[in-house]
Amino acid sequence: MKTITALALAAAFVAVTPLCATATARANACALIGPADVVASTGGPPTGPVRPHAYPNDPASECYILTSKGTIKAALFPVEGARQMSSIRAGYGALETVHGIGDEAVYSKRYATLAIRRGKSTLMLSLASPDDAQNRRIVLALGKRVARKLR
């Protein structure tokens, strides 16, 4: 009898999972960036597996995406976006304000990082490559594509 109940619960969970996928995806940095977003911003597909990283007892997550242009790192902070942006503004030194992406966005040339806040979430995108102009172009293009997925 207990086996049947456990199987029924497992089946019910699997049946409901697609309904929850949208809410779950928004708390996962890797789920925000699809292969089409990478192709549109870098000119090519990811060159290796996408590597997610989550933190125990913390809603933040990271994603590493290998590309021919360098490694893209996405860090998603799904709560307290305004506080996160204040910390970025205080700790990253000289920042360029970027208009038209999210509720607010700033770019750090020094760290090749774009920070985007939309609603309660903050997303940080960076690219590790020696080409400053390329880094800025790619993270801004990627930021424009994925910012609308934040909430």
Protein backbone atom coordinates (compact mmCIF):
# COMPACT_ATOMS: atom_id res chain seq x y z
CA MET A 1 0.00 0.00 0.00
CA LYS A 2 2.83 2.46 0.87
CA THR A 3 4.55 1.71 -2.44
CA ILE A 4 1.40 2.59 -4.37
CA THR A 5 1.04 5.87 -2.42
CA ALA A 6 4.69 6.79 -3.06
CA LEU A 7 4.31 6.04 -6.76
CA ALA A 8 1.11 8.08 -6.92
CA LEU A 9 2.84 11.05 -5.25
CA ALA A 10 5.81 10.78 -7.61
CA ALA A 11 3.47 10.67 -10.62
CA ALA A 12 1.55 13.69 -9.32
CA PHE A 13 4.82 15.63 -8.89
CA VAL A 14 5.95 14.81 -12.43
CA ALA A 15 2.54 15.84 -13.78
CA VAL A 16 2.68 19.23 -12.04
CA THR A 17 6.35 20.00 -12.76
CA PRO A 18 5.78 21.57 -16.21
CA LEU A 19 3.28 23.98 -14.66
CA CYS A 20 5.98 25.18 -12.27
CA ALA A 21 8.76 25.34 -14.85
CA THR A 22 8.35 29.06 -15.56
CA ALA A 23 8.64 30.06 -11.91
CA THR A 24 11.61 27.72 -11.40
CA ALA A 25 13.37 28.91 -14.56
CA ARG A 26 13.36 32.50 -13.36
CA ALA A 27 15.35 31.53 -10.28
CA ASN A 28 17.99 29.72 -12.36
CA ALA A 29 20.68 31.74 -14.16
CA CYS A 30 21.21 29.03 -16.80
CA ALA A 31 17.50 28.88 -17.63
CA LEU A 32 17.55 32.58 -18.54
CA ILE A 33 20.09 32.14 -21.33
CA GLY A 34 19.18 29.85 -24.19
CA PRO A 35 21.38 28.70 -27.08
CA ALA A 36 19.68 31.23 -29.39
CA ASP A 37 20.67 34.04 -26.99
CA VAL A 38 24.30 32.89 -27.09
CA VAL A 39 24.30 32.64 -30.90
CA ALA A 40 22.71 36.09 -31.28
CA SER A 41 25.20 37.76 -28.93
CA THR A 42 28.44 35.91 -29.77
CA GLY A 43 27.87 34.79 -33.34
CA GLY A 44 28.17 31.11 -32.47
CA PRO A 45 26.73 28.41 -30.24
CA PRO A 46 28.13 27.40 -26.86
CA THR A 47 31.31 25.37 -27.32
CA GLY A 48 30.83 23.15 -24.30
CA PRO A 49 28.30 22.15 -21.73
CA VAL A 50 26.51 24.87 -19.78
CA ARG A 51 27.63 24.60 -16.16
CA PRO A 52 25.11 25.71 -13.52
CA HIS A 53 26.08 26.44 -9.93
CA ALA A 54 23.64 26.93 -7.06
CA TYR A 55 24.33 27.78 -3.45
CA PRO A 56 22.82 25.87 -0.53
CA ASN A 57 20.38 28.00 1.45
CA ASP A 58 20.77 30.93 -0.97
CA PRO A 59 18.43 31.83 -3.84
CA ALA A 60 21.33 33.09 -5.99
CA SER A 61 22.67 30.96 -8.84
CA GLU A 62 25.45 31.13 -11.39
CA CYS A 63 25.90 29.79 -14.88
CA TYR A 64 29.08 29.36 -16.93
CA ILE A 65 28.76 29.18 -20.70
CA LEU A 66 31.81 28.36 -22.81
CA THR A 67 31.87 30.14 -26.18
CA SER A 68 34.41 30.74 -28.93
CA LYS A 69 34.67 34.34 -27.65
CA GLY A 70 35.38 33.40 -24.01
CA THR A 71 33.45 32.21 -20.98
CA ILE A 72 30.20 33.98 -20.18
CA LYS A 73 29.32 34.04 -16.51
CA ALA A 74 25.77 34.83 -15.43
CA ALA A 75 24.95 35.40 -11.76
CA LEU A 76 21.30 35.73 -10.82
CA PHE A 77 20.13 37.29 -7.57
CA PRO A 78 16.34 36.78 -7.61
CA VAL A 79 15.55 38.84 -4.49
CA GLU A 80 16.62 42.23 -3.14
CA GLY A 81 17.61 43.52 -6.58
CA ALA A 82 17.78 47.17 -5.51
CA ARG A 83 20.11 46.33 -2.61
CA GLN A 84 22.30 44.23 -4.91
CA MET A 85 22.55 47.11 -7.40
CA SER A 86 23.50 49.50 -4.58
CA SER A 87 26.32 47.13 -3.62
CA ILE A 88 27.49 46.94 -7.23
CA ARG A 89 27.45 50.74 -7.57
CA ALA A 90 29.46 51.07 -4.34
CA GLY A 91 31.98 48.31 -5.03
CA TYR A 92 32.71 48.31 -8.76
CA GLY A 93 34.22 51.78 -9.13
CA ALA A 94 33.63 53.62 -12.41
CA LEU A 95 30.42 52.43 -14.04
CA GLU A 96 28.69 53.33 -17.28
CA THR A 97 24.91 53.70 -17.00
CA VAL A 98 23.22 51.67 -19.73
CA HIS A 99 19.76 52.82 -20.81
CA GLY A 100 17.04 50.59 -22.23
CA ILE A 101 17.92 47.38 -20.39
CA GLY A 102 15.74 46.40 -17.43
CA ASP A 103 14.74 48.94 -14.77
CA GLU A 104 18.39 49.94 -14.42
CA ALA A 105 21.67 48.67 -15.80
CA VAL A 106 25.35 49.53 -15.41
CA TYR A 107 28.49 48.30 -17.16
CA SER A 108 31.94 47.95 -15.61
CA LYS A 109 34.73 48.05 -18.20
CA ARG A 110 37.25 47.05 -15.56
CA TYR A 111 35.39 43.79 -14.81
CA ALA A 112 33.70 43.36 -18.25
CA THR A 113 30.44 43.03 -16.32
CA LEU A 114 26.91 44.21 -17.02
CA ALA A 115 24.57 44.38 -14.01
CA ILE A 116 20.86 44.52 -14.77
CA ARG A 117 18.04 45.02 -12.30
CA ARG A 118 14.46 44.33 -13.25
CA GLY A 119 11.88 44.20 -10.48
CA LYS A 120 13.26 42.23 -7.55
CA SER A 121 15.99 40.48 -9.55
CA THR A 122 19.52 41.45 -10.47
CA LEU A 123 21.48 39.64 -13.17
CA MET A 124 25.21 40.10 -13.66
CA LEU A 125 26.72 39.09 -17.00
CA SER A 126 30.45 39.01 -17.63
CA LEU A 127 32.75 37.74 -20.35
CA ALA A 128 36.31 36.59 -19.78
CA SER A 129 38.35 37.62 -22.82
CA PRO A 130 41.18 40.10 -23.42
CA ASP A 131 39.15 42.13 -25.95
CA ASP A 132 37.40 44.97 -24.05
CA ALA A 133 35.28 46.14 -26.99
CA GLN A 134 34.13 42.58 -27.71
CA ASN A 135 33.29 41.99 -24.03
CA ARG A 136 31.11 45.08 -23.87
CA ARG A 137 29.37 44.36 -27.18
CA ILE A 138 28.57 40.75 -26.25
CA VAL A 139 27.34 41.31 -22.70
CA LEU A 140 25.18 44.26 -23.78
CA ALA A 141 23.65 42.22 -26.61
CA LEU A 142 23.06 39.29 -24.28
CA GLY A 143 21.68 41.58 -21.57
CA LYS A 144 19.15 43.09 -23.97
CA ARG A 145 17.93 39.61 -24.91
CA VAL A 146 17.58 38.17 -21.40
CA ALA A 147 16.57 41.20 -19.29
CA ARG A 148 12.90 40.78 -20.22
CA LYS A 149 13.00 37.29 -18.65
CA LEU A 150 13.81 38.75 -15.23
CA ARG A 151 11.12 39.66 -12.77
